[in-house]
Amino acid sequence: MTVAADRLDRGELGPPVPGLAVRTLVGCGPASGVTVRIVDPATSAVLPDGSVGEIWVRGDAVAAGYWRRPLETSAAFGCATSGGEHGFLRTGDLGALRNGELYLTGRIKDALLVDGRTLHPQEAERQLVRSGSPFGSAVVLSASSAQEEIVAIQEIRGAGWSPVQLAGLAERVRGCLHQEFGADLAGVVLVRPGTVRRTTSGKVRRSLMRELYLRGELRPLYASAPPYAAEGG
């Protein structure tokens, strides 16, 4: 399903508008054997059709809890909506229902706040990779607890880049994300191929990358954000 990008960033599935940015979402199909609710994670209120919120599920296929982890079990399992529906698992995933079809949009812990909008970093990262050579893998993350200090870590293929060339590539990263998502970055970190860590299934290890960034352990080719700015850019 194709939806308007600005409406999605504001938490709803809206029809595309000619000439404006769009996003394509892949449906998961109708829920079978489970009850699905889209819930405001702050208030536990069930949201209307087409609104983006946390995905809660209930049914025989849902486990009773985590093995020997009572605190985590209490927080995630057996939850109740503000309307009094009980027994739900809070998945931590963001998504929306439209005419019975479930669409996933991201993870709560990964979501970034930009001028009151919710930016899903996976979309931004895919756009950077699609922008062409010499860009490789990328990770877009928050460098502050407020989630509004956004940094892009971008792998650069090839060797022998001059400082001026690297600065130009960093501006390409900034321009790409601003054009597609209206996001002004706090900084860009250009790194060698293989720097962006992934799981065995190919998913970006976003929490690890944030830790490496904050600890100053990425060894950048160029950077325009602390703790690297004095070194690279």
C-alpha atoms as a PDB file:
ATOM      1  CA  MET A   1       0.000   0.000   0.000  1.00  0.00           C
ATOM      2  CA  THR A   2       1.263   3.458  -0.916  1.00  0.00           C
ATOM      3  CA  VAL A   3       0.623   6.245   1.596  1.00  0.00           C
ATOM      4  CA  ALA A   4       1.483   9.919   1.980  1.00  0.00           C
ATOM      5  CA  ALA A   5       4.876  10.272   3.680  1.00  0.00           C
ATOM      6  CA  ASP A   6       3.964  13.331   5.744  1.00  0.00           C
ATOM      7  CA  ARG A   7       0.789  11.679   7.054  1.00  0.00           C
ATOM      8  CA  LEU A   8       2.730   8.528   7.998  1.00  0.00           C
ATOM      9  CA  ASP A   9       5.308  10.621   9.857  1.00  0.00           C
ATOM     10  CA  ARG A  10       2.427  12.076  11.860  1.00  0.00           C
ATOM     11  CA  GLY A  11       1.000   8.679  12.734  1.00  0.00           C
ATOM     12  CA  GLU A  12      -1.678   7.874  10.186  1.00  0.00           C
ATOM     13  CA  LEU A  13      -2.119   6.083   6.878  1.00  0.00           C
ATOM     14  CA  GLY A  14      -3.263   8.688   4.393  1.00  0.00           C
ATOM     15  CA  PRO A  15      -3.719   8.525   0.613  1.00  0.00           C
ATOM     16  CA  PRO A  16      -0.833   9.766  -1.544  1.00  0.00           C
ATOM     17  CA  VAL A  17      -0.936  13.314  -2.893  1.00  0.00           C
ATOM     18  CA  PRO A  18       0.383  13.937  -6.423  1.00  0.00           C
ATOM     19  CA  GLY A  19       3.790  15.587  -6.361  1.00  0.00           C
ATOM     20  CA  LEU A  20       4.478  14.855  -2.687  1.00  0.00           C
ATOM     21  CA  ALA A  21       6.639  12.142  -1.100  1.00  0.00           C
ATOM     22  CA  VAL A  22       5.119   8.716  -0.538  1.00  0.00           C
ATOM     23  CA  ARG A  23       6.009   5.553   1.368  1.00  0.00           C
ATOM     24  CA  THR A  24       5.199   1.973   0.417  1.00  0.00           C
ATOM     25  CA  LEU A  25       4.076  -0.391   3.182  1.00  0.00           C
ATOM     26  CA  VAL A  26       3.774  -4.157   2.874  1.00  0.00           C
ATOM     27  CA  GLY A  27       0.782  -5.739   4.554  1.00  0.00           C
ATOM     28  CA  CYS A  28       1.078  -8.784   6.826  1.00  0.00           C
ATOM     29  CA  GLY A  29      -2.336 -10.098   5.851  1.00  0.00           C
ATOM     30  CA  PRO A  30      -5.398 -10.400   8.079  1.00  0.00           C
ATOM     31  CA  ALA A  31      -4.697 -11.602  11.610  1.00  0.00           C
ATOM     32  CA  SER A  32      -5.617 -15.259  12.047  1.00  0.00           C
ATOM     33  CA  GLY A  33      -6.033 -16.886  15.447  1.00  0.00           C
ATOM     34  CA  VAL A  34      -5.103 -13.743  17.393  1.00  0.00           C
ATOM     35  CA  THR A  35      -6.767 -10.495  18.379  1.00  0.00           C
ATOM     36  CA  VAL A  36      -4.803  -7.416  17.285  1.00  0.00           C
ATOM     37  CA  ARG A  37      -5.198  -3.914  18.657  1.00  0.00           C
ATOM     38  CA  ILE A  38      -3.292  -0.757  17.706  1.00  0.00           C
ATOM     39  CA  VAL A  39      -2.700   1.108  20.949  1.00  0.00           C
ATOM     40  CA  ASP A  40      -1.288   4.456  22.043  1.00  0.00           C
ATOM     41  CA  PRO A  41       1.761   3.272  24.033  1.00  0.00           C
ATOM     42  CA  ALA A  42       1.514   6.226  26.424  1.00  0.00           C
ATOM     43  CA  THR A  43      -2.179   5.979  27.320  1.00  0.00           C
ATOM     44  CA  SER A  44      -3.082   2.355  26.389  1.00  0.00           C
ATOM     45  CA  ALA A  45      -6.028   3.714  24.391  1.00  0.00           C
ATOM     46  CA  VAL A  46      -7.047   1.709  21.327  1.00  0.00           C
ATOM     47  CA  LEU A  47      -6.537   3.796  18.189  1.00  0.00           C
ATOM     48  CA  PRO A  48      -8.921   3.982  15.228  1.00  0.00           C
ATOM     49  CA  ASP A  49      -8.427   2.241  11.885  1.00  0.00           C
ATOM     50  CA  GLY A  50      -5.526   3.769   9.931  1.00  0.00           C
ATOM     51  CA  SER A  51      -3.708   5.194  12.971  1.00  0.00           C
ATOM     52  CA  VAL A  52      -0.139   4.158  13.797  1.00  0.00           C
ATOM     53  CA  GLY A  53       0.523   2.894  17.304  1.00  0.00           C
ATOM     54  CA  GLU A  54       1.973  -0.037  19.215  1.00  0.00           C
ATOM     55  CA  ILE A  55       0.804  -3.462  18.071  1.00  0.00           C
ATOM     56  CA  TRP A  56      -0.797  -5.480  20.888  1.00  0.00           C
ATOM     57  CA  VAL A  57      -1.796  -9.123  20.339  1.00  0.00           C
ATOM     58  CA  ARG A  58      -3.835 -11.684  22.286  1.00  0.00           C
ATOM     59  CA  GLY A  59      -4.571 -15.323  21.591  1.00  0.00           C
ATOM     60  CA  ASP A  60      -3.597 -18.960  22.055  1.00  0.00           C
ATOM     61  CA  ALA A  61      -0.416 -18.458  19.981  1.00  0.00           C
ATOM     62  CA  VAL A  62       0.920 -15.879  22.460  1.00  0.00           C
ATOM     63  CA  ALA A  63       3.272 -17.182  25.154  1.00  0.00           C
ATOM     64  CA  ALA A  64       2.581 -16.715  28.843  1.00  0.00           C
ATOM     65  CA  GLY A  65       5.801 -14.797  29.472  1.00  0.00           C
ATOM     66  CA  TYR A  66       9.603 -14.856  29.447  1.00  0.00           C
ATOM     67  CA  TRP A  67      11.436 -17.771  31.056  1.00  0.00           C
ATOM     68  CA  ARG A  68      12.524 -16.753  34.566  1.00  0.00           C
ATOM     69  CA  ARG A  69      12.240 -13.021  33.788  1.00  0.00           C
ATOM     70  CA  PRO A  70       9.315 -11.873  35.946  1.00  0.00           C
ATOM     71  CA  LEU A  71       9.915  -8.122  35.610  1.00  0.00           C
ATOM     72  CA  GLU A  72       9.995  -8.227  31.810  1.00  0.00           C
ATOM     73  CA  THR A  73       6.987 -10.554  31.803  1.00  0.00           C
ATOM     74  CA  SER A  74       5.000  -8.175  33.983  1.00  0.00           C
ATOM     75  CA  ALA A  75       5.768  -5.227  31.692  1.00  0.00           C
ATOM     76  CA  ALA A  76       4.983  -6.939  28.377  1.00  0.00           C
ATOM     77  CA  PHE A  77       2.423  -9.706  28.983  1.00  0.00           C
ATOM     78  CA  GLY A  78      -1.131  -9.647  30.283  1.00  0.00           C
ATOM     79  CA  CYS A  79      -1.556  -5.940  29.545  1.00  0.00           C
ATOM     80  CA  ALA A  80      -4.905  -4.144  29.484  1.00  0.00           C
ATOM     81  CA  THR A  81      -6.152  -1.366  27.237  1.00  0.00           C
ATOM     82  CA  SER A  82      -7.663   1.766  28.740  1.00  0.00           C
ATOM     83  CA  GLY A  83     -11.048   0.420  27.629  1.00  0.00           C
ATOM     84  CA  GLY A  84     -10.690  -2.665  29.827  1.00  0.00           C
ATOM     85  CA  GLU A  85      -9.616  -5.359  27.365  1.00  0.00           C
ATOM     86  CA  HIS A  86      -7.153  -7.691  29.100  1.00  0.00           C
ATOM     87  CA  GLY A  87      -4.517 -10.294  28.275  1.00  0.00           C
ATOM     88  CA  PHE A  88      -2.493  -8.560  25.554  1.00  0.00           C
ATOM     89  CA  LEU A  89       1.199  -8.797  24.693  1.00  0.00           C
ATOM     90  CA  ARG A  90       2.869  -5.453  24.009  1.00  0.00           C
ATOM     91  CA  THR A  91       5.051  -6.274  20.993  1.00  0.00           C
ATOM     92  CA  GLY A  92       7.129  -3.095  20.901  1.00  0.00           C
ATOM     93  CA  ASP A  93       6.366  -2.906  17.165  1.00  0.00           C
ATOM     94  CA  LEU A  94       4.660   0.060  15.528  1.00  0.00           C
ATOM     95  CA  GLY A  95       1.995  -0.412  12.900  1.00  0.00           C
ATOM     96  CA  ALA A  96      -1.553   0.240  11.772  1.00  0.00           C
ATOM     97  CA  LEU A  97      -4.668  -1.673  10.763  1.00  0.00           C
ATOM     98  CA  ARG A  98      -6.506  -0.782   7.573  1.00  0.00           C
ATOM     99  CA  ASN A  99      -9.621  -2.783   6.666  1.00  0.00           C
ATOM    100  CA  GLY A 100      -8.371  -5.745   8.703  1.00  0.00           C
ATOM    101  CA  GLU A 101      -4.884  -5.741   7.145  1.00  0.00           C
ATOM    102  CA  LEU A 102      -1.899  -5.183   9.457  1.00  0.00           C
ATOM    103  CA  TYR A 103       0.955  -2.922   8.299  1.00  0.00           C
ATOM    104  CA  LEU A 104       4.203  -2.680  10.284  1.00  0.00           C
ATOM    105  CA  THR A 105       6.066   0.641  10.260  1.00  0.00           C
ATOM    106  CA  GLY A 106       8.950   0.132  12.724  1.00  0.00           C
ATOM    107  CA  ARG A 107       9.995  -0.375  16.330  1.00  0.00           C
ATOM    108  CA  ILE A 108       9.185   1.977  19.213  1.00  0.00           C
ATOM    109  CA  LYS A 109      12.763   1.901  20.520  1.00  0.00           C
ATOM    110  CA  ASP A 110      14.129   2.840  17.071  1.00  0.00           C
ATOM    111  CA  ALA A 111      11.698   5.647  16.237  1.00  0.00           C
ATOM    112  CA  LEU A 112      13.218   9.136  15.913  1.00  0.00           C
ATOM    113  CA  LEU A 113      11.428  12.419  16.641  1.00  0.00           C
ATOM    114  CA  VAL A 114      11.902  15.225  14.117  1.00  0.00           C
ATOM    115  CA  ASP A 115       9.871  18.421  14.606  1.00  0.00           C
ATOM    116  CA  GLY A 116       7.021  16.496  16.186  1.00  0.00           C
ATOM    117  CA  ARG A 117       7.067  13.810  13.486  1.00  0.00           C
ATOM    118  CA  THR A 118       8.093  10.176  13.840  1.00  0.00           C
ATOM    119  CA  LEU A 119      10.880   9.140  11.489  1.00  0.00           C
ATOM    120  CA  HIS A 120      11.444   5.425  11.005  1.00  0.00           C
ATOM    121  CA  PRO A 121      15.206   5.018  10.528  1.00  0.00           C
ATOM    122  CA  GLN A 122      14.891   1.923   8.343  1.00  0.00           C
ATOM    123  CA  GLU A 123      13.273   4.035   5.616  1.00  0.00           C
ATOM    124  CA  ALA A 124      16.000   6.656   5.860  1.00  0.00           C
ATOM    125  CA  GLU A 125      18.726   4.020   5.696  1.00  0.00           C
ATOM    126  CA  ARG A 126      17.222   2.361   2.636  1.00  0.00           C
ATOM    127  CA  GLN A 127      17.035   5.731   0.906  1.00  0.00           C
ATOM    128  CA  LEU A 128      20.709   6.408   1.596  1.00  0.00           C
ATOM    129  CA  VAL A 129      21.753   3.041   0.174  1.00  0.00           C
ATOM    130  CA  ARG A 130      19.572   3.614  -2.909  1.00  0.00           C
ATOM    131  CA  SER A 131      21.214   6.986  -3.541  1.00  0.00           C
ATOM    132  CA  GLY A 132      24.056   5.158  -5.276  1.00  0.00           C
ATOM    133  CA  SER A 133      27.827   4.768  -5.313  1.00  0.00           C
ATOM    134  CA  PRO A 134      29.897   5.028  -3.194  1.00  0.00           C
ATOM    135  CA  PHE A 135      27.316   4.668  -0.412  1.00  0.00           C
ATOM    136  CA  GLY A 136      27.087   1.303   1.342  1.00  0.00           C
ATOM    137  CA  SER A 137      25.230   0.367   4.510  1.00  0.00           C
ATOM    138  CA  ALA A 138      23.946   3.139   6.749  1.00  0.00           C
ATOM    139  CA  VAL A 139      22.470   3.563  10.191  1.00  0.00           C
ATOM    140  CA  VAL A 140      20.449   6.571  11.338  1.00  0.00           C
ATOM    141  CA  LEU A 141      20.148   6.970  15.093  1.00  0.00           C
ATOM    142  CA  SER A 142      19.470   9.330  17.942  1.00  0.00           C
ATOM    143  CA  ALA A 143      22.487  10.685  19.771  1.00  0.00           C
ATOM    144  CA  SER A 144      20.483  12.100  22.684  1.00  0.00           C
ATOM    145  CA  SER A 145      17.837  10.939  25.118  1.00  0.00           C
ATOM    146  CA  ALA A 146      15.408  13.470  23.635  1.00  0.00           C
ATOM    147  CA  GLN A 147      15.631  11.549  20.325  1.00  0.00           C
ATOM    148  CA  GLU A 148      15.860  14.770  18.285  1.00  0.00           C
ATOM    149  CA  GLU A 149      19.640  14.873  17.793  1.00  0.00           C
ATOM    150  CA  ILE A 150      19.872  12.701  14.689  1.00  0.00           C
ATOM    151  CA  VAL A 151      23.164  11.334  13.369  1.00  0.00           C
ATOM    152  CA  ALA A 152      23.740   9.348  10.174  1.00  0.00           C
ATOM    153  CA  ILE A 153      26.576   6.796  10.035  1.00  0.00           C
ATOM    154  CA  GLN A 154      27.303   6.016   6.395  1.00  0.00           C
ATOM    155  CA  GLU A 155      29.713   3.462   4.938  1.00  0.00           C
ATOM    156  CA  ILE A 156      31.800   4.716   2.002  1.00  0.00           C
ATOM    157  CA  ARG A 157      33.218   2.294  -0.571  1.00  0.00           C
ATOM    158  CA  GLY A 158      36.589   2.843  -2.196  1.00  0.00           C
ATOM    159  CA  ALA A 159      39.822   4.408  -1.016  1.00  0.00           C
ATOM    160  CA  GLY A 160      41.901   7.524  -1.508  1.00  0.00           C
ATOM    161  CA  TRP A 161      39.152  10.024  -0.716  1.00  0.00           C
ATOM    162  CA  SER A 162      40.435  13.533  -0.014  1.00  0.00           C
ATOM    163  CA  PRO A 163      39.049  15.586   2.897  1.00  0.00           C
ATOM    164  CA  VAL A 164      37.216  17.816   0.413  1.00  0.00           C
ATOM    165  CA  GLN A 165      35.629  14.808  -1.289  1.00  0.00           C
ATOM    166  CA  LEU A 166      34.568  13.300   2.022  1.00  0.00           C
ATOM    167  CA  ALA A 167      33.005  16.602   3.068  1.00  0.00           C
ATOM    168  CA  GLY A 168      31.070  16.587  -0.205  1.00  0.00           C
ATOM    169  CA  LEU A 169      29.830  13.048   0.447  1.00  0.00           C
ATOM    170  CA  ALA A 170      28.697  14.094   3.916  1.00  0.00           C
ATOM    171  CA  GLU A 171      26.683  16.900   2.326  1.00  0.00           C
ATOM    172  CA  ARG A 172      25.089  14.344  -0.003  1.00  0.00           C
ATOM    173  CA  VAL A 173      23.950  12.392   3.064  1.00  0.00           C
ATOM    174  CA  ARG A 174      22.504  15.543   4.609  1.00  0.00           C
ATOM    175  CA  GLY A 175      20.787  16.546   1.389  1.00  0.00           C
ATOM    176  CA  CYS A 176      19.285  13.109   0.805  1.00  0.00           C
ATOM    177  CA  LEU A 177      17.677  12.905   4.241  1.00  0.00           C
ATOM    178  CA  HIS A 178      16.497  16.499   4.176  1.00  0.00           C
ATOM    179  CA  GLN A 179      14.890  16.104   0.761  1.00  0.00           C
ATOM    180  CA  GLU A 180      13.186  12.808   1.505  1.00  0.00           C
ATOM    181  CA  PHE A 181      12.288  13.231   5.178  1.00  0.00           C
ATOM    182  CA  GLY A 182      12.697  16.901   6.034  1.00  0.00           C
ATOM    183  CA  ALA A 183      15.307  15.878   8.603  1.00  0.00           C
ATOM    184  CA  ASP A 184      18.187  18.204   9.479  1.00  0.00           C
ATOM    185  CA  LEU A 185      21.007  16.067  10.861  1.00  0.00           C
ATOM    186  CA  ALA A 186      23.064  16.961  13.906  1.00  0.00           C
ATOM    187  CA  GLY A 187      26.005  15.220  12.267  1.00  0.00           C
ATOM    188  CA  VAL A 188      27.295  12.793   9.654  1.00  0.00           C
ATOM    189  CA  VAL A 189      29.911  10.101  10.280  1.00  0.00           C
ATOM    190  CA  LEU A 190      31.503   8.471   7.224  1.00  0.00           C
ATOM    191  CA  VAL A 191      33.072   5.075   7.885  1.00  0.00           C
ATOM    192  CA  ARG A 192      34.738   2.186   6.069  1.00  0.00           C
ATOM    193  CA  PRO A 193      32.720  -0.757   4.667  1.00  0.00           C
ATOM    194  CA  GLY A 194      31.919  -3.364   7.322  1.00  0.00           C
ATOM    195  CA  THR A 195      31.639  -0.824  10.150  1.00  0.00           C
ATOM    196  CA  VAL A 196      27.849  -1.053  10.421  1.00  0.00           C
ATOM    197  CA  ARG A 197      27.262  -4.118  12.584  1.00  0.00           C
ATOM    198  CA  ARG A 198      24.523  -6.581  11.664  1.00  0.00           C
ATOM    199  CA  THR A 199      22.935  -9.687  13.137  1.00  0.00           C
ATOM    200  CA  THR A 200      23.360 -13.085  11.471  1.00  0.00           C
ATOM    201  CA  SER A 201      20.005 -12.478   9.761  1.00  0.00           C
ATOM    202  CA  GLY A 202      21.186  -9.163   8.318  1.00  0.00           C
ATOM    203  CA  LYS A 203      19.416  -6.692  10.634  1.00  0.00           C
ATOM    204  CA  VAL A 204      21.282  -3.581  11.726  1.00  0.00           C
ATOM    205  CA  ARG A 205      22.403  -3.828  15.353  1.00  0.00           C
ATOM    206  CA  ARG A 206      21.145  -0.338  16.089  1.00  0.00           C
ATOM    207  CA  SER A 207      21.676  -0.367  19.858  1.00  0.00           C
ATOM    208  CA  LEU A 208      25.265  -1.560  19.445  1.00  0.00           C
ATOM    209  CA  MET A 209      25.960   1.072  16.792  1.00  0.00           C
ATOM    210  CA  ARG A 210      24.634   3.789  19.090  1.00  0.00           C
ATOM    211  CA  GLU A 211      26.889   2.548  21.897  1.00  0.00           C
ATOM    212  CA  LEU A 212      29.936   2.494  19.610  1.00  0.00           C
ATOM    213  CA  TYR A 213      29.118   5.987  18.401  1.00  0.00           C
ATOM    214  CA  LEU A 214      28.663   7.440  21.891  1.00  0.00           C
ATOM    215  CA  ARG A 215      31.869   5.756  23.130  1.00  0.00           C
ATOM    216  CA  GLY A 216      33.844   7.177  20.193  1.00  0.00           C
ATOM    217  CA  GLU A 217      34.855   3.750  18.848  1.00  0.00           C
ATOM    218  CA  LEU A 218      33.915   3.992  15.160  1.00  0.00           C
ATOM    219  CA  ARG A 219      37.225   5.280  13.667  1.00  0.00           C
ATOM    220  CA  PRO A 220      35.593   7.498  11.017  1.00  0.00           C
ATOM    221  CA  LEU A 221      36.955   8.620   7.676  1.00  0.00           C
ATOM    222  CA  TYR A 222      35.174  11.918   8.248  1.00  0.00           C
ATOM    223  CA  ALA A 223      32.804  13.275  10.869  1.00  0.00           C
ATOM    224  CA  SER A 224      30.866  16.432  11.583  1.00  0.00           C
ATOM    225  CA  ALA A 225      29.459  15.422  14.968  1.00  0.00           C
ATOM    226  CA  PRO A 226      31.002  14.914  18.406  1.00  0.00           C
ATOM    227  CA  PRO A 227      32.806  12.970  19.691  1.00  0.00           C
ATOM    228  CA  TYR A 228      34.483  12.787  16.273  1.00  0.00           C
ATOM    229  CA  ALA A 229      34.147  16.274  14.790  1.00  0.00           C
ATOM    230  CA  ALA A 230      37.587  17.416  15.907  1.00  0.00           C
ATOM    231  CA  GLU A 231      39.146  14.398  14.197  1.00  0.00           C
ATOM    232  CA  GLY A 232      37.377  14.212  10.876  1.00  0.00           C
ATOM    233  CA  GLY A 233      35.545  17.324   9.934  1.00  0.00           C
END
